[in-house]
């Protein structure tokens, strides 16, 4: 019986790393499949939309702007 060379373990490790990288690359190229439908929860009856949408300058924001001035 011959003794395995000291590089045999290293070669096996590198071969497994190569195979793992190839599987990962193949998985990244495959389509993700069918996307899940978003869950839509209905608004409770009687709940009105907020009257203002978008940016609102609050007292906290005004204070930040004051302190951030040079």
Protein backbone atom coordinates (compact mmCIF):
# COMPACT_ATOMS: atom_id res chain seq x y z
CA UNK A 1 0.00 0.00 0.00
CA UNK A 2 1.22 3.44 -0.82
CA UNK A 3 0.84 6.39 1.46
CA UNK A 4 -1.23 9.26 0.12
CA UNK A 5 0.82 12.31 -0.66
CA UNK A 6 0.55 15.26 1.72
CA UNK A 7 -1.06 17.27 -1.07
CA UNK A 8 -3.96 14.81 -1.50
CA UNK A 9 -6.03 16.40 1.27
CA UNK A 10 -5.38 19.85 -0.10
CA UNK A 11 -6.38 18.75 -3.58
CA UNK A 12 -9.62 17.26 -2.26
CA UNK A 13 -10.38 20.50 -0.41
CA UNK A 14 -9.73 22.61 -3.49
CA UNK A 15 -11.84 20.29 -5.65
CA UNK A 16 -14.74 20.54 -3.20
CA UNK A 17 -14.41 24.32 -3.10
CA UNK A 18 -14.46 24.42 -6.90
CA UNK A 19 -17.54 22.19 -7.03
CA UNK A 20 -19.30 24.30 -4.40
CA UNK A 21 -18.55 27.49 -6.32
CA UNK A 22 -19.88 25.93 -9.53
CA UNK A 23 -23.12 24.87 -7.84
CA UNK A 24 -23.53 28.34 -6.32
CA UNK A 25 -22.98 30.02 -9.68
CA UNK A 26 -25.50 27.71 -11.34
CA UNK A 27 -28.06 28.39 -8.61
CA UNK A 28 -27.59 32.14 -9.05
CA UNK A 29 -28.34 31.86 -12.77
CA UNK A 30 -31.51 29.84 -12.35
CA UNK A 31 -34.79 31.72 -12.25
CA UNK A 32 -36.12 32.32 -8.77
CA UNK A 33 -39.49 30.77 -9.57
CA UNK A 34 -42.94 32.19 -9.18
CA UNK A 35 -43.04 35.23 -6.92
CA UNK A 36 -45.45 35.08 -4.04
CA UNK A 37 -48.56 37.21 -4.24
CA UNK A 38 -48.45 40.22 -1.93
CA UNK A 39 -50.68 40.07 1.11
CA UNK A 40 -53.22 42.87 1.00
CA UNK A 41 -55.10 43.64 4.16
CA UNK A 42 -58.26 45.67 3.72
CA UNK A 43 -58.59 48.89 5.65
CA UNK A 44 -61.07 48.75 8.49
CA UNK A 45 -64.44 50.27 7.74
CA UNK A 46 -64.69 53.87 8.78
CA UNK A 47 -60.94 54.48 8.66
CA UNK A 48 -60.21 57.54 6.55
CA UNK A 49 -56.97 58.15 4.73
CA UNK A 50 -54.69 60.65 6.39
CA UNK A 51 -55.41 64.14 5.02
CA UNK A 52 -51.76 64.89 4.24
CA UNK A 53 -49.30 62.68 2.43
CA UNK A 54 -45.64 63.20 1.80
CA UNK A 55 -43.12 65.23 3.75
CA UNK A 56 -44.31 67.06 6.82
CA UNK A 57 -42.00 69.32 8.74
CA UNK A 58 -42.50 68.46 12.39
CA UNK A 59 -41.29 70.28 15.46
CA UNK A 60 -38.56 67.70 15.80
CA UNK A 61 -37.39 68.33 12.21
CA UNK A 62 -37.43 72.12 12.74
CA UNK A 63 -35.30 71.71 15.87
CA UNK A 64 -32.82 69.53 13.95
CA UNK A 65 -32.56 72.12 11.18
CA UNK A 66 -31.91 74.82 13.78
CA UNK A 67 -29.14 72.86 15.44
CA UNK A 68 -27.57 71.80 12.13
CA UNK A 69 -27.06 75.37 10.88
CA UNK A 70 -23.50 76.61 10.78
